[in-house]
Structure formats: structure tokens, C-alpha cells
C-alpha atoms as a PDB file:
ATOM      1  CA  UNK A   1       0.024  -0.012   0.143  1.00  0.00           C
ATOM      2  CA  UNK A   2       1.191   3.520  -0.988  1.00  0.00           C
ATOM      3  CA  UNK A   3       2.208   5.886   1.867  1.00  0.00           C
ATOM      4  CA  UNK A   4      -0.279   8.895   2.426  1.00  0.00           C
ATOM      5  CA  UNK A   5       0.713  12.426   3.334  1.00  0.00           C
ATOM      6  CA  UNK A   6      -2.261  14.549   4.127  1.00  0.00           C
ATOM      7  CA  UNK A   7      -2.667  18.210   4.874  1.00  0.00           C
ATOM      8  CA  UNK A   8      -5.541  19.824   6.440  1.00  0.00           C
ATOM      9  CA  UNK A   9      -6.888  23.182   6.740  1.00  0.00           C
ATOM     10  CA  UNK A  10      -9.855  25.056   7.768  1.00  0.00           C
ATOM     11  CA  UNK A  11     -11.643  27.761   5.621  1.00  0.00           C
ATOM     12  CA  UNK A  12     -14.397  30.290   6.039  1.00  0.00           C
ATOM     13  CA  UNK A  13     -17.607  29.668   4.465  1.00  0.00           C
ATOM     14  CA  UNK A  14     -17.315  32.960   2.947  1.00  0.00           C
ATOM     15  CA  UNK A  15     -16.400  33.766  -0.624  1.00  0.00           C
ATOM     16  CA  UNK A  16     -12.858  34.812   0.307  1.00  0.00           C
ATOM     17  CA  UNK A  17     -12.602  31.164   1.698  1.00  0.00           C
ATOM     18  CA  UNK A  18     -12.467  29.841  -2.307  1.00  0.00           C
ATOM     19  CA  UNK A  19      -9.234  32.036  -2.479  1.00  0.00           C
ATOM     20  CA  UNK A  20      -7.699  30.827   0.925  1.00  0.00           C
ATOM     21  CA  UNK A  21      -8.218  27.422  -0.512  1.00  0.00           C
ATOM     22  CA  UNK A  22      -6.909  27.680  -3.834  1.00  0.00           C
ATOM     23  CA  UNK A  23      -3.645  29.568  -2.705  1.00  0.00           C
ATOM     24  CA  UNK A  24      -2.887  26.945   0.172  1.00  0.00           C
ATOM     25  CA  UNK A  25      -3.593  23.758  -2.031  1.00  0.00           C
ATOM     26  CA  UNK A  26      -1.504  25.364  -5.033  1.00  0.00           C
ATOM     27  CA  UNK A  27       1.561  25.872  -2.951  1.00  0.00           C
ATOM     28  CA  UNK A  28       0.783  22.178  -1.642  1.00  0.00           C
ATOM     29  CA  UNK A  29       0.515  20.582  -4.876  1.00  0.00           C
ATOM     30  CA  UNK A  30       3.475  22.772  -6.319  1.00  0.00           C
ATOM     31  CA  UNK A  31       5.657  21.203  -3.657  1.00  0.00           C
ATOM     32  CA  UNK A  32       4.510  17.574  -4.113  1.00  0.00           C
ATOM     33  CA  UNK A  33       5.471  17.997  -7.942  1.00  0.00           C
ATOM     34  CA  UNK A  34       2.793  17.150 -10.173  1.00  0.00           C
ATOM     35  CA  UNK A  35       2.602  20.755 -12.159  1.00  0.00           C
ATOM     36  CA  UNK A  36       1.107  19.141 -14.997  1.00  0.00           C
ATOM     37  CA  UNK A  37      -2.221  18.349 -12.551  1.00  0.00           C
ATOM     38  CA  UNK A  38      -2.138  21.698 -10.892  1.00  0.00           C
ATOM     39  CA  UNK A  39      -4.673  23.925 -12.935  1.00  0.00           C
ATOM     40  CA  UNK A  40      -6.829  21.064 -13.108  1.00  0.00           C
ATOM     41  CA  UNK A  41      -7.038  19.968  -9.170  1.00  0.00           C
ATOM     42  CA  UNK A  42      -7.442  23.814  -8.597  1.00  0.00           C
ATOM     43  CA  UNK A  43     -10.518  24.137 -10.823  1.00  0.00           C
ATOM     44  CA  UNK A  44     -12.059  21.385  -9.340  1.00  0.00           C
ATOM     45  CA  UNK A  45     -11.124  22.684  -5.621  1.00  0.00           C
ATOM     46  CA  UNK A  46     -12.458  25.965  -6.576  1.00  0.00           C
ATOM     47  CA  UNK A  47     -15.702  24.414  -7.580  1.00  0.00           C
ATOM     48  CA  UNK A  48     -16.207  22.077  -4.719  1.00  0.00           C
ATOM     49  CA  UNK A  49     -15.301  24.547  -2.168  1.00  0.00           C
ATOM     50  CA  UNK A  50     -17.819  27.017  -3.792  1.00  0.00           C
ATOM     51  CA  UNK A  51     -20.534  24.559  -3.920  1.00  0.00           C
ATOM     52  CA  UNK A  52     -19.747  24.078  -0.297  1.00  0.00           C
ATOM     53  CA  UNK A  53     -19.952  27.566   1.090  1.00  0.00           C
ATOM     54  CA  UNK A  54     -23.282  27.814  -1.101  1.00  0.00           C
ATOM     55  CA  UNK A  55     -24.601  25.091   1.216  1.00  0.00           C
ATOM     56  CA  UNK A  56     -23.086  26.021   4.502  1.00  0.00           C
ATOM     57  CA  UNK A  57     -24.131  27.698   7.529  1.00  0.00           C
ATOM     58  CA  UNK A  58     -23.573  31.389   7.681  1.00  0.00           C
ATOM     59  CA  UNK A  59     -20.254  31.861   9.833  1.00  0.00           C
ATOM     60  CA  UNK A  60     -19.285  28.351   9.611  1.00  0.00           C
ATOM     61  CA  UNK A  61     -15.698  26.830   8.939  1.00  0.00           C
ATOM     62  CA  UNK A  62     -15.028  24.452   6.221  1.00  0.00           C
ATOM     63  CA  UNK A  63     -12.515  21.495   6.683  1.00  0.00           C
ATOM     64  CA  UNK A  64     -10.437  20.936   3.726  1.00  0.00           C
ATOM     65  CA  UNK A  65      -8.242  17.725   3.380  1.00  0.00           C
ATOM     66  CA  UNK A  66      -5.474  17.090   0.788  1.00  0.00           C
ATOM     67  CA  UNK A  67      -3.975  13.826   0.522  1.00  0.00           C
ATOM     68  CA  UNK A  68      -1.048  12.315  -1.955  1.00  0.00           C
ATOM     69  CA  UNK A  69      -0.175   9.016  -2.319  1.00  0.00           C
ATOM     70  CA  UNK A  70       2.429   7.389  -4.899  1.00  0.00           C
ATOM     71  CA  UNK A  71      -0.679   7.126  -7.499  1.00  0.00           C
ATOM     72  CA  UNK A  72      -3.094  10.039  -6.557  1.00  0.00           C
ATOM     73  CA  UNK A  73      -3.786  13.259  -5.112  1.00  0.00           C
ATOM     74  CA  UNK A  74      -7.056  13.367  -3.138  1.00  0.00           C
ATOM     75  CA  UNK A  75      -9.260  16.577  -2.165  1.00  0.00           C
ATOM     76  CA  UNK A  76     -11.763  16.566   0.407  1.00  0.00           C
ATOM     77  CA  UNK A  77     -14.471  19.356   1.398  1.00  0.00           C
ATOM     78  CA  UNK A  78     -16.427  19.086   4.302  1.00  0.00           C
ATOM     79  CA  UNK A  79     -19.796  20.728   4.683  1.00  0.00           C
ATOM     80  CA  UNK A  80     -22.909  20.990   7.167  1.00  0.00           C
ATOM     81  CA  UNK A  81     -25.326  20.059   4.187  1.00  0.00           C
ATOM     82  CA  UNK A  82     -26.622  16.325   4.394  1.00  0.00           C
ATOM     83  CA  UNK A  83     -28.150  16.422   0.646  1.00  0.00           C
ATOM     84  CA  UNK A  84     -25.771  14.966  -1.781  1.00  0.00           C
ATOM     85  CA  UNK A  85     -25.089  17.033  -5.016  1.00  0.00           C
ATOM     86  CA  UNK A  86     -26.438  16.156  -8.072  1.00  0.00           C
ATOM     87  CA  UNK A  87     -24.905  15.989 -11.421  1.00  0.00           C
ATOM     88  CA  UNK A  88     -26.966  17.167 -14.383  1.00  0.00           C
ATOM     89  CA  UNK A  89     -25.101  15.527 -16.946  1.00  0.00           C
ATOM     90  CA  UNK A  90     -22.174  13.487 -17.113  1.00  0.00           C
ATOM     91  CA  UNK A  91     -19.134  14.684 -18.751  1.00  0.00           C
ATOM     92  CA  UNK A  92     -18.708  12.036 -21.229  1.00  0.00           C
ATOM     93  CA  UNK A  93     -22.320  12.938 -22.449  1.00  0.00           C
ATOM     94  CA  UNK A  94     -21.461  16.501 -22.557  1.00  0.00           C
ATOM     95  CA  UNK A  95     -18.304  15.848 -24.701  1.00  0.00           C
ATOM     96  CA  UNK A  96     -20.307  13.283 -26.973  1.00  0.00           C
ATOM     97  CA  UNK A  97     -21.449  16.400 -29.209  1.00  0.00           C
ATOM     98  CA  UNK A  98     -25.129  15.686 -28.888  1.00  0.00           C
ATOM     99  CA  UNK A  99     -27.418  18.696 -28.283  1.00  0.00           C
ATOM    100  CA  UNK A 100     -27.676  19.617 -24.833  1.00  0.00           C
ATOM    101  CA  UNK A 101     -30.120  20.964 -22.394  1.00  0.00           C
ATOM    102  CA  UNK A 102     -30.030  25.029 -21.789  1.00  0.00           C
ATOM    103  CA  UNK A 103     -29.487  24.751 -18.290  1.00  0.00           C
ATOM    104  CA  UNK A 104     -25.821  23.858 -18.884  1.00  0.00           C
ATOM    105  CA  UNK A 105     -25.672  27.382 -20.101  1.00  0.00           C
ATOM    106  CA  UNK A 106     -26.633  28.703 -17.028  1.00  0.00           C
ATOM    107  CA  UNK A 107     -24.276  30.583 -14.527  1.00  0.00           C
ATOM    108  CA  UNK A 108     -24.628  27.974 -11.697  1.00  0.00           C
ATOM    109  CA  UNK A 109     -24.681  24.132 -11.854  1.00  0.00           C
ATOM    110  CA  UNK A 110     -21.755  23.463 -13.879  1.00  0.00           C
ATOM    111  CA  UNK A 111     -19.061  23.093 -10.785  1.00  0.00           C
ATOM    112  CA  UNK A 112     -20.076  19.030 -10.616  1.00  0.00           C
ATOM    113  CA  UNK A 113     -19.590  19.182 -14.482  1.00  0.00           C
ATOM    114  CA  UNK A 114     -16.290  20.425 -14.484  1.00  0.00           C
ATOM    115  CA  UNK A 115     -15.375  18.203 -11.457  1.00  0.00           C
ATOM    116  CA  UNK A 116     -16.766  14.865 -13.274  1.00  0.00           C
ATOM    117  CA  UNK A 117     -14.796  16.004 -16.298  1.00  0.00           C
ATOM    118  CA  UNK A 118     -11.245  16.764 -14.888  1.00  0.00           C
ATOM    119  CA  UNK A 119     -11.025  14.387 -11.743  1.00  0.00           C
ATOM    120  CA  UNK A 120     -10.390  10.816 -12.330  1.00  0.00           C
ATOM    121  CA  UNK A 121     -13.248   9.783  -9.922  1.00  0.00           C
ATOM    122  CA  UNK A 122     -15.428  11.664  -7.230  1.00  0.00           C
ATOM    123  CA  UNK A 123     -18.119  11.061  -4.779  1.00  0.00           C
ATOM    124  CA  UNK A 124     -19.930  11.964  -1.418  1.00  0.00           C
ATOM    125  CA  UNK A 125     -19.843  10.260   1.620  1.00  0.00           C
ATOM    126  CA  UNK A 126     -21.910  11.181   4.617  1.00  0.00           C
ATOM    127  CA  UNK A 127     -20.435  12.436   7.762  1.00  0.00           C
ATOM    128  CA  UNK A 128     -21.723  13.310  11.382  1.00  0.00           C
ATOM    129  CA  UNK A 129     -21.601  16.942  10.355  1.00  0.00           C
ATOM    130  CA  UNK A 130     -23.175  16.807   7.047  1.00  0.00           C
ATOM    131  CA  UNK A 131     -21.218  15.252   3.890  1.00  0.00           C
ATOM    132  CA  UNK A 132     -17.688  15.114   2.326  1.00  0.00           C
ATOM    133  CA  UNK A 133     -17.426  15.886  -1.253  1.00  0.00           C
ATOM    134  CA  UNK A 134     -14.098  14.157  -2.564  1.00  0.00           C
ATOM    135  CA  UNK A 135     -12.377  14.021  -5.730  1.00  0.00           C
ATOM    136  CA  UNK A 136      -9.255  11.982  -6.866  1.00  0.00           C
ATOM    137  CA  UNK A 137      -6.829  12.779  -9.841  1.00  0.00           C
ATOM    138  CA  UNK A 138      -4.333   9.751 -10.814  1.00  0.00           C
ATOM    139  CA  UNK A 139      -0.686  10.750 -11.065  1.00  0.00           C
ATOM    140  CA  UNK A 140       0.314   7.468 -13.351  1.00  0.00           C
ATOM    141  CA  UNK A 141      -2.730   7.367 -15.615  1.00  0.00           C
ATOM    142  CA  UNK A 142      -3.833  10.152 -17.729  1.00  0.00           C
ATOM    143  CA  UNK A 143      -7.487  10.774 -18.359  1.00  0.00           C
ATOM    144  CA  UNK A 144      -8.740   9.387 -21.707  1.00  0.00           C
ATOM    145  CA  UNK A 145      -9.351  12.495 -24.017  1.00  0.00           C
END
């Protein structure tokens, strides 16, 4: 089994929390070395944190964990909402070239689509305080384009 390194931080459930999480995680991932994945991981992080902030209680703090093994980087964001997020359409359908619903052109609701397209895998798990949205990106296997 690969050795895991995990870094935890807590951000405010306010818009500036997205910026704080992005800066901290960018520095961390840069120190770990997979520079070719930084932009994709930071975009996924930003979307997941933005979603968590939208559903978090006013004034709350959000735990964020970033883990690395020899084979992947995992990001987890915990919030106080017990309702799982819903993916409007899977990325493979959108990338298929078929006509898509107008709701994909709306300003909100695209975060999970981006995560689905850029992460190797993602999911939701319940926790005592609500839920954890997690995503992983493999280090050794490129995504199929």
C-alpha cells in the first residue's frame, strides 16, 4: 500500500474562503511536484469549495483535506449540508457532441460537471456533520481525452 501524506486546513464559509483554499492547495501541490495537474486540481477545488460555501451555515468553517499517495491526489471538502450534490449530466455525454439542455449554459450548476470532467473519480460520503465531497486525480495514468 502506498504511503499517504495528508494536509488539513479550515477555511471560512465565505467567498474569500475559495481564494484561501486555492492559494494554500496550489502551494502544497506545487511542493509535491505534479505541475501538469495543478490547474485541473485547483479548478476542481474551487468548484467544490464554492458549492460547499453555498450550502454551509452562515459563519461556519469548512474542513478541507488534501492527500497524496504515490498514485493519486485526493481533495476532500466537508460541509454541514446532508443533501448530496446532483450531477446534471455526466461529462461523457457533454463531450459526445449531442445537443444539450439549455441549463448547462446557466451561470450556476456547472461545478460538478467540471469536477466530473477533470477528476479521475469523485463522490460523496456522509459524515456526522453533513457530507464530504471528495475527488481524486491519478498521477500515473492520464485521463482519456
